[in-house]
C-alpha atoms as a PDB file:
ATOM      1  CA  UNK A   1       0.000   0.000   0.000  1.00  0.00           C
ATOM      2  CA  UNK A   2       1.474   3.315  -0.977  1.00  0.00           C
ATOM      3  CA  UNK A   3       1.470   6.418   1.154  1.00  0.00           C
ATOM      4  CA  UNK A   4      -1.106   8.097  -1.102  1.00  0.00           C
ATOM      5  CA  UNK A   5      -3.558   5.242  -0.587  1.00  0.00           C
ATOM      6  CA  UNK A   6      -3.069   5.223   3.194  1.00  0.00           C
ATOM      7  CA  UNK A   7      -3.539   9.003   3.560  1.00  0.00           C
ATOM      8  CA  UNK A   8      -6.077   9.553   0.761  1.00  0.00           C
ATOM      9  CA  UNK A   9      -9.209   8.124   2.402  1.00  0.00           C
ATOM     10  CA  UNK A  10      -8.812   9.868   5.785  1.00  0.00           C
ATOM     11  CA  UNK A  11      -7.887  13.119   4.059  1.00  0.00           C
ATOM     12  CA  UNK A  12     -10.935  12.889   1.819  1.00  0.00           C
ATOM     13  CA  UNK A  13     -13.127  12.173   4.856  1.00  0.00           C
ATOM     14  CA  UNK A  14     -11.771  15.209   6.690  1.00  0.00           C
ATOM     15  CA  UNK A  15     -12.237  17.443   3.655  1.00  0.00           C
ATOM     16  CA  UNK A  16     -15.833  16.262   3.125  1.00  0.00           C
ATOM     17  CA  UNK A  17     -16.657  16.743   6.810  1.00  0.00           C
ATOM     18  CA  UNK A  18     -15.220  20.257   6.877  1.00  0.00           C
ATOM     19  CA  UNK A  19     -16.991  21.220   3.656  1.00  0.00           C
ATOM     20  CA  UNK A  20     -20.309  19.853   4.847  1.00  0.00           C
ATOM     21  CA  UNK A  21     -20.066  21.535   8.222  1.00  0.00           C
ATOM     22  CA  UNK A  22     -19.288  24.840   6.550  1.00  0.00           C
ATOM     23  CA  UNK A  23     -22.391  24.552   4.373  1.00  0.00           C
ATOM     24  CA  UNK A  24     -24.560  23.703   7.370  1.00  0.00           C
ATOM     25  CA  UNK A  25     -23.090  26.520   9.463  1.00  0.00           C
ATOM     26  CA  UNK A  26     -23.676  29.022   6.665  1.00  0.00           C
ATOM     27  CA  UNK A  27     -27.316  27.974   6.288  1.00  0.00           C
ATOM     28  CA  UNK A  28     -27.919  28.146  10.038  1.00  0.00           C
ATOM     29  CA  UNK A  29     -26.313  31.589  10.245  1.00  0.00           C
ATOM     30  CA  UNK A  30     -28.346  32.904   7.310  1.00  0.00           C
ATOM     31  CA  UNK A  31     -31.572  31.594   8.815  1.00  0.00           C
ATOM     32  CA  UNK A  32     -30.748  33.107  12.195  1.00  0.00           C
ATOM     33  CA  UNK A  33     -30.090  36.495  10.543  1.00  0.00           C
ATOM     34  CA  UNK A  34     -33.497  36.296   8.832  1.00  0.00           C
ATOM     35  CA  UNK A  35     -35.196  35.558  12.143  1.00  0.00           C
ATOM     36  CA  UNK A  36     -33.409  38.484  13.818  1.00  0.00           C
ATOM     37  CA  UNK A  37     -34.434  40.863  11.006  1.00  0.00           C
ATOM     38  CA  UNK A  38     -38.057  39.746  11.255  1.00  0.00           C
ATOM     39  CA  UNK A  39     -37.961  40.290  15.004  1.00  0.00           C
ATOM     40  CA  UNK A  40     -36.445  43.750  14.584  1.00  0.00           C
ATOM     41  CA  UNK A  41     -39.110  44.699  12.021  1.00  0.00           C
ATOM     42  CA  UNK A  42     -41.848  43.478  14.348  1.00  0.00           C
ATOM     43  CA  UNK A  43     -40.383  45.425  17.244  1.00  0.00           C
ATOM     44  CA  UNK A  44     -40.076  48.542  15.099  1.00  0.00           C
ATOM     45  CA  UNK A  45     -43.692  48.207  13.957  1.00  0.00           C
ATOM     46  CA  UNK A  46     -44.855  47.764  17.565  1.00  0.00           C
ATOM     47  CA  UNK A  47     -42.953  50.865  18.663  1.00  0.00           C
ATOM     48  CA  UNK A  48     -44.420  52.899  15.785  1.00  0.00           C
ATOM     49  CA  UNK A  49     -47.894  51.679  16.639  1.00  0.00           C
ATOM     50  CA  UNK A  50     -47.418  52.553  20.315  1.00  0.00           C
ATOM     51  CA  UNK A  51     -46.194  56.046  19.414  1.00  0.00           C
ATOM     52  CA  UNK A  52     -49.045  56.680  16.976  1.00  0.00           C
ATOM     53  CA  UNK A  53     -51.642  55.311  19.357  1.00  0.00           C
ATOM     54  CA  UNK A  54     -50.282  57.553  22.108  1.00  0.00           C
ATOM     55  CA  UNK A  55     -50.643  60.558  19.808  1.00  0.00           C
ATOM     56  CA  UNK A  56     -54.159  59.476  18.906  1.00  0.00           C
ATOM     57  CA  UNK A  57     -55.200  59.122  22.556  1.00  0.00           C
ATOM     58  CA  UNK A  58     -53.592  62.489  23.394  1.00  0.00           C
ATOM     59  CA  UNK A  59     -55.660  64.215  20.725  1.00  0.00           C
END
C-alpha cells in the first residue's frame, strides 16, 4: 500500500466533513439572521404603533 492510498481516504473524509459543516453553518447563520431581522421589524412596527396610538389618545 502506498502512502497516497493510506492518507487519501482519511484526508478525503476530513475534507468532506469540513466542507459539509461549513455549508450547514452558513445555512444556520443565514436563517438566524433572517429571524433576527423579522424580530427587529416586528419590534419597530410595535414601537411605531405605540407612538401613533399615544398621539391618537392624546388628541
